[in-house]
């Protein structure tokens, strides 16, 4: 399994104006215990240049990916341009802005992984 290629597939599907958590992405990649690997991949650019890293937050909604951006406030700015409100503590309301993927989407990802041998 190529975890980073799977991660890139998931990233392509995080909707505009929504966020996903590290754990959510790890789960969809088939490795629910690898949420820290998501952070590593973002910091090192392992998921590709087009991965929407600004849409990835902690399980509590915290903007925790500042190391992956050119400036500490870039993630907040990018999210706000998409209509995602970030409070003064640097937190997103997950009830409102979290990507609520469906079981059908999760199964479709598995088919994509299988067809691409990842």
N, C-alpha and C. Protein backbone atom coordinates (compact mmCIF):
# COMPACT_ATOMS: atom_id res chain seq x y z
N UNK A 1 0.84 -1.18 0.00
CA UNK A 1 0.00 0.00 0.00
C UNK A 1 0.88 1.24 0.00
N UNK A 2 0.54 2.17 -0.83
CA UNK A 2 1.23 3.44 -0.87
C UNK A 2 0.37 4.48 -0.15
N UNK A 3 0.66 4.65 1.12
CA UNK A 3 -0.14 5.51 1.99
C UNK A 3 -0.25 6.93 1.43
N UNK A 4 0.84 7.48 0.95
CA UNK A 4 0.84 8.87 0.49
C UNK A 4 0.03 9.03 -0.80
N UNK A 5 0.04 8.05 -1.65
CA UNK A 5 -0.79 8.12 -2.86
C UNK A 5 -2.26 8.03 -2.49
N UNK A 6 -2.58 7.20 -1.50
CA UNK A 6 -3.96 7.13 -1.02
C UNK A 6 -4.37 8.48 -0.43
N UNK A 7 -3.47 9.05 0.32
CA UNK A 7 -3.74 10.35 0.93
C UNK A 7 -4.03 11.40 -0.14
N UNK A 8 -3.29 11.38 -1.23
CA UNK A 8 -3.51 12.32 -2.33
C UNK A 8 -4.90 12.15 -2.92
N UNK A 9 -5.36 10.92 -3.06
CA UNK A 9 -6.71 10.65 -3.58
C UNK A 9 -7.75 11.27 -2.66
N UNK A 10 -7.59 11.04 -1.36
CA UNK A 10 -8.54 11.60 -0.39
C UNK A 10 -8.53 13.13 -0.47
N UNK A 11 -7.33 13.71 -0.52
CA UNK A 11 -7.21 15.17 -0.59
C UNK A 11 -7.95 15.77 -1.76
N UNK A 12 -7.96 15.07 -2.88
CA UNK A 12 -8.67 15.55 -4.07
C UNK A 12 -10.17 15.65 -3.85
N UNK A 13 -10.67 14.99 -2.80
CA UNK A 13 -12.11 14.93 -2.57
C UNK A 13 -12.59 15.73 -1.36
N UNK A 14 -11.68 16.35 -0.63
CA UNK A 14 -12.13 17.19 0.49
C UNK A 14 -12.81 18.41 -0.11
N UNK A 15 -14.08 18.59 0.16
CA UNK A 15 -14.82 19.66 -0.50
C UNK A 15 -14.35 21.07 -0.13
N UNK A 16 -14.48 21.96 -1.07
CA UNK A 16 -14.23 23.39 -0.88
C UNK A 16 -15.13 23.85 0.27
N UNK A 17 -14.57 24.61 1.20
CA UNK A 17 -15.36 25.12 2.31
C UNK A 17 -15.58 24.14 3.43
N UNK A 18 -14.87 23.02 3.40
CA UNK A 18 -14.96 22.01 4.45
C UNK A 18 -13.56 21.66 4.92
N UNK A 19 -13.47 21.03 6.09
CA UNK A 19 -12.19 20.56 6.61
C UNK A 19 -12.30 19.07 6.92
N UNK A 20 -11.16 18.42 6.95
CA UNK A 20 -11.07 17.02 7.36
C UNK A 20 -10.04 16.95 8.47
N UNK A 21 -10.17 15.98 9.33
CA UNK A 21 -9.19 15.82 10.40
C UNK A 21 -8.11 14.84 9.97
N UNK A 22 -6.99 14.92 10.68
CA UNK A 22 -5.89 13.98 10.42
C UNK A 22 -6.40 12.55 10.55
N UNK A 23 -7.14 12.29 11.61
CA UNK A 23 -7.67 10.95 11.84
C UNK A 23 -8.65 10.50 10.78
N UNK A 24 -9.46 11.40 10.32
CA UNK A 24 -10.44 11.08 9.27
C UNK A 24 -9.72 10.66 7.99
N UNK A 25 -8.69 11.39 7.63
CA UNK A 25 -7.93 11.06 6.42
C UNK A 25 -7.23 9.72 6.58
N UNK A 26 -6.63 9.50 7.75
CA UNK A 26 -5.96 8.22 8.01
C UNK A 26 -6.95 7.06 7.91
N UNK A 27 -8.13 7.24 8.47
CA UNK A 27 -9.17 6.21 8.40
C UNK A 27 -9.54 5.91 6.96
N UNK A 28 -9.77 6.95 6.17
CA UNK A 28 -10.15 6.76 4.77
C UNK A 28 -9.03 6.12 3.95
N UNK A 29 -7.79 6.32 4.39
CA UNK A 29 -6.65 5.68 3.72
C UNK A 29 -6.51 4.21 4.12
N UNK A 30 -7.29 3.77 5.09
CA UNK A 30 -7.23 2.38 5.53
C UNK A 30 -6.26 2.14 6.68
N UNK A 31 -5.77 3.21 7.29
CA UNK A 31 -4.82 3.13 8.41
C UNK A 31 -5.29 4.05 9.53
N UNK A 32 -6.34 3.66 10.26
CA UNK A 32 -6.93 4.57 11.26
C UNK A 32 -5.99 4.99 12.38
N UNK A 33 -4.93 4.26 12.62
CA UNK A 33 -3.99 4.60 13.68
C UNK A 33 -2.84 5.48 13.20
N UNK A 34 -2.88 5.94 11.95
CA UNK A 34 -1.75 6.67 11.37
C UNK A 34 -2.01 8.17 11.18
N UNK A 35 -2.76 8.78 12.08
CA UNK A 35 -3.05 10.20 11.92
C UNK A 35 -1.79 11.05 11.99
N UNK A 36 -0.81 10.64 12.78
CA UNK A 36 0.44 11.41 12.85
C UNK A 36 1.20 11.36 11.52
N UNK A 37 1.02 10.27 10.79
CA UNK A 37 1.67 10.15 9.50
C UNK A 37 1.09 11.17 8.51
N UNK A 38 -0.16 11.54 8.70
CA UNK A 38 -0.77 12.57 7.86
C UNK A 38 -0.03 13.90 8.08
N UNK A 39 0.19 14.25 9.34
CA UNK A 39 0.92 15.47 9.65
C UNK A 39 2.33 15.46 9.09
N UNK A 40 2.99 14.31 9.21
CA UNK A 40 4.34 14.16 8.65
C UNK A 40 4.32 14.39 7.14
N UNK A 41 3.35 13.77 6.48
CA UNK A 41 3.25 13.89 5.02
C UNK A 41 3.01 15.33 4.59
N UNK A 42 2.18 16.04 5.34
CA UNK A 42 1.90 17.44 5.00
C UNK A 42 3.15 18.30 5.18
N UNK A 43 3.85 18.07 6.27
CA UNK A 43 5.05 18.86 6.54
C UNK A 43 6.13 18.62 5.50
N UNK A 44 6.22 17.39 5.00
CA UNK A 44 7.26 17.01 4.06
C UNK A 44 6.81 17.04 2.59
N UNK A 45 5.54 17.38 2.35
CA UNK A 45 5.04 17.45 0.97
C UNK A 45 4.88 16.10 0.31
N UNK A 46 4.69 15.05 1.10
CA UNK A 46 4.61 13.68 0.56
C UNK A 46 3.32 13.38 -0.20
N UNK A 47 2.27 14.18 0.03
CA UNK A 47 1.00 13.92 -0.64
C UNK A 47 0.86 14.70 -1.94
N UNK A 48 1.90 15.42 -2.31
CA UNK A 48 1.88 16.15 -3.57
C UNK A 48 1.59 17.63 -3.38
N UNK A 49 1.99 18.40 -4.36
CA UNK A 49 1.84 19.86 -4.32
C UNK A 49 0.39 20.31 -4.31
N UNK A 50 -0.50 19.54 -4.89
CA UNK A 50 -1.89 19.95 -5.01
C UNK A 50 -2.76 19.56 -3.82
N UNK A 51 -2.17 18.89 -2.84
CA UNK A 51 -2.96 18.48 -1.68
C UNK A 51 -3.44 19.72 -0.92
N UNK A 52 -4.73 19.79 -0.60
CA UNK A 52 -5.26 20.97 0.09
C UNK A 52 -4.97 20.94 1.59
N UNK A 53 -3.72 21.11 1.95
CA UNK A 53 -3.28 21.00 3.34
C UNK A 53 -4.02 21.97 4.26
N UNK A 54 -4.44 23.10 3.73
CA UNK A 54 -5.15 24.07 4.57
C UNK A 54 -6.48 23.54 5.07
N UNK A 55 -7.01 22.50 4.45
CA UNK A 55 -8.29 21.92 4.86
C UNK A 55 -8.14 20.82 5.90
N UNK A 56 -6.95 20.63 6.42
CA UNK A 56 -6.71 19.57 7.41
C UNK A 56 -6.48 20.20 8.77
N UNK A 57 -7.27 19.74 9.75
CA UNK A 57 -7.19 20.25 11.12
C UNK A 57 -7.13 19.08 12.09
N UNK A 58 -6.88 19.41 13.35
CA UNK A 58 -6.84 18.36 14.38
C UNK A 58 -8.24 17.84 14.67
N UNK A 59 -8.32 16.78 15.42
CA UNK A 59 -9.61 16.19 15.79
C UNK A 59 -10.46 17.10 16.65
N UNK A 60 -9.87 18.14 17.22
CA UNK A 60 -10.60 19.13 18.00
C UNK A 60 -10.91 20.39 17.18
N UNK A 61 -10.48 20.40 15.92
CA UNK A 61 -10.73 21.54 15.05
C UNK A 61 -9.63 22.57 15.05
N UNK A 62 -8.53 22.30 15.76
CA UNK A 62 -7.43 23.25 15.83
C UNK A 62 -6.64 23.30 14.53
N UNK A 63 -6.24 24.51 14.16
CA UNK A 63 -5.33 24.67 13.03
C UNK A 63 -3.95 24.28 13.56
N UNK A 64 -3.50 23.14 13.13
CA UNK A 64 -2.24 22.65 13.69
C UNK A 64 -1.19 22.39 12.63
N UNK A 65 -1.43 22.88 11.43
CA UNK A 65 -0.49 22.61 10.36
C UNK A 65 0.37 23.78 9.96
N UNK A 66 0.61 24.73 10.88
CA UNK A 66 1.38 25.93 10.53
C UNK A 66 2.74 25.62 9.94
N UNK A 67 3.35 24.52 10.37
CA UNK A 67 4.68 24.16 9.85
C UNK A 67 4.64 23.81 8.36
N UNK A 68 3.47 23.48 7.86
CA UNK A 68 3.34 23.11 6.45
C UNK A 68 3.11 24.32 5.55
N UNK A 69 3.05 25.51 6.12
CA UNK A 69 2.73 26.71 5.36
C UNK A 69 3.85 27.74 5.42
N UNK A 70 3.87 28.61 4.44
CA UNK A 70 4.92 29.64 4.35
C UNK A 70 4.86 30.63 5.50
N UNK A 71 3.65 30.91 5.99
CA UNK A 71 3.49 31.82 7.13
C UNK A 71 2.54 31.17 8.13
N UNK A 72 2.65 31.52 9.41
CA UNK A 72 1.78 30.92 10.44
C UNK A 72 0.29 31.20 10.25
N UNK A 73 -0.06 32.26 9.55
CA UNK A 73 -1.48 32.61 9.38
C UNK A 73 -2.06 32.20 8.02
N UNK A 74 -1.26 31.57 7.19
CA UNK A 74 -1.73 31.23 5.84
C UNK A 74 -2.88 30.24 5.86
N UNK A 75 -2.83 29.22 6.71
CA UNK A 75 -3.91 28.24 6.76
C UNK A 75 -5.23 28.92 7.11
N UNK A 76 -5.20 29.78 8.11
CA UNK A 76 -6.41 30.51 8.51
C UNK A 76 -6.94 31.35 7.36
N UNK A 77 -6.07 32.06 6.69
CA UNK A 77 -6.48 32.92 5.57
C UNK A 77 -7.11 32.11 4.45
N UNK A 78 -6.50 30.98 4.11
CA UNK A 78 -7.03 30.15 3.03
C UNK A 78 -8.41 29.58 3.39
N UNK A 79 -8.56 29.15 4.64
CA UNK A 79 -9.87 28.63 5.06
C UNK A 79 -10.93 29.72 5.05
N UNK A 80 -10.57 30.88 5.54
CA UNK A 80 -11.55 31.96 5.57
C UNK A 80 -11.97 32.40 4.17
N UNK A 81 -11.06 32.31 3.20
CA UNK A 81 -11.42 32.61 1.80
C UNK A 81 -12.46 31.63 1.27
N UNK A 82 -12.49 30.43 1.86
CA UNK A 82 -13.47 29.42 1.45
C UNK A 82 -14.75 29.48 2.29
N UNK A 83 -14.81 30.44 3.21
CA UNK A 83 -16.00 30.58 4.04
C UNK A 83 -15.97 29.79 5.33
N UNK A 84 -14.83 29.21 5.66
CA UNK A 84 -14.68 28.45 6.90
C UNK A 84 -14.27 29.45 7.99
N UNK A 85 -15.11 29.58 9.00
CA UNK A 85 -14.83 30.53 10.07
C UNK A 85 -13.87 29.90 11.07
N UNK A 86 -12.82 30.65 11.42
CA UNK A 86 -11.83 30.22 12.40
C UNK A 86 -11.91 31.21 13.56
N UNK A 87 -12.12 30.70 14.79
CA UNK A 87 -12.26 31.61 15.93
C UNK A 87 -10.91 32.16 16.37
N UNK A 88 -10.92 33.04 17.36
CA UNK A 88 -9.69 33.71 17.78
C UNK A 88 -8.68 32.76 18.41
N UNK A 89 -9.11 31.58 18.84
CA UNK A 89 -8.18 30.58 19.36
C UNK A 89 -7.58 29.71 18.25
N UNK A 90 -7.96 29.98 17.01
CA UNK A 90 -7.46 29.19 15.89
C UNK A 90 -8.14 27.84 15.77
N UNK A 91 -9.45 27.85 15.97
CA UNK A 91 -10.22 26.61 15.97
C UNK A 91 -11.40 26.72 15.01
N UNK A 92 -11.70 25.62 14.33
CA UNK A 92 -12.82 25.52 13.40
C UNK A 92 -13.94 24.74 14.08
N UNK A 93 -15.17 25.15 13.87
CA UNK A 93 -16.33 24.42 14.39
C UNK A 93 -16.55 23.18 13.51
N UNK A 94 -16.14 22.02 14.03
CA UNK A 94 -16.25 20.79 13.24
C UNK A 94 -17.69 20.39 12.96
N UNK A 95 -18.60 20.73 13.85
CA UNK A 95 -20.01 20.40 13.60
C UNK A 95 -20.53 21.09 12.34
N UNK A 96 -20.00 22.27 12.09
CA UNK A 96 -20.46 23.04 10.94
C UNK A 96 -19.61 22.82 9.69
N UNK A 97 -18.28 22.70 9.86
CA UNK A 97 -17.39 22.73 8.70
C UNK A 97 -16.69 21.41 8.38
N UNK A 98 -16.88 20.39 9.19
CA UNK A 98 -16.22 19.11 8.91
C UNK A 98 -16.86 18.43 7.71
N UNK A 99 -16.02 17.88 6.87
CA UNK A 99 -16.48 17.09 5.73
C UNK A 99 -17.12 15.82 6.28
N UNK A 100 -18.39 15.65 6.03
CA UNK A 100 -19.11 14.46 6.48
C UNK A 100 -19.16 13.45 5.33
N UNK A 101 -18.04 12.76 5.15
CA UNK A 101 -18.00 11.78 4.06
C UNK A 101 -19.00 10.66 4.34
N UNK A 102 -19.42 10.03 3.29
CA UNK A 102 -20.41 8.96 3.42
C UNK A 102 -19.73 7.60 3.29
N UNK A 103 -20.45 6.57 3.66
CA UNK A 103 -19.95 5.21 3.49
C UNK A 103 -19.74 4.92 2.01
N UNK A 104 -20.62 5.43 1.17
CA UNK A 104 -20.47 5.24 -0.28
C UNK A 104 -19.16 5.85 -0.77
N UNK A 105 -18.81 7.03 -0.25
CA UNK A 105 -17.53 7.65 -0.62
C UNK A 105 -16.35 6.80 -0.16
N UNK A 106 -16.44 6.30 1.07
CA UNK A 106 -15.35 5.47 1.60
C UNK A 106 -15.16 4.21 0.74
N UNK A 107 -16.26 3.59 0.35
CA UNK A 107 -16.17 2.41 -0.51
C UNK A 107 -15.64 2.76 -1.89
N UNK A 108 -16.01 3.92 -2.40
CA UNK A 108 -15.50 4.36 -3.70
C UNK A 108 -13.99 4.59 -3.63
N UNK A 109 -13.51 5.13 -2.51
CA UNK A 109 -12.06 5.31 -2.35
C UNK A 109 -11.35 3.97 -2.40
N UNK A 110 -11.93 2.97 -1.75
CA UNK A 110 -11.31 1.64 -1.78
C UNK A 110 -11.23 1.10 -3.20
N UNK A 111 -12.25 1.34 -3.99
CA UNK A 111 -12.23 0.90 -5.39
C UNK A 111 -11.14 1.64 -6.17
N UNK A 112 -11.01 2.94 -5.91
CA UNK A 112 -9.94 3.72 -6.57
C UNK A 112 -8.58 3.16 -6.18
N UNK A 113 -8.40 2.86 -4.90
CA UNK A 113 -7.13 2.31 -4.42
C UNK A 113 -6.82 0.99 -5.11
N UNK A 114 -7.83 0.13 -5.18
CA UNK A 114 -7.64 -1.18 -5.83
C UNK A 114 -7.33 -1.04 -7.31
N UNK A 115 -8.07 -0.17 -7.99
CA UNK A 115 -7.85 -0.03 -9.45
C UNK A 115 -6.49 0.60 -9.76
N UNK A 116 -5.96 1.38 -8.84
CA UNK A 116 -4.64 1.99 -9.03
C UNK A 116 -3.52 1.23 -8.33
N UNK A 117 -3.90 0.07 -7.78
CA UNK A 117 -2.94 -0.80 -7.09
C UNK A 117 -2.18 -0.06 -5.98
N UNK A 118 -2.93 0.72 -5.22
CA UNK A 118 -2.35 1.42 -4.08
C UNK A 118 -3.06 0.95 -2.84
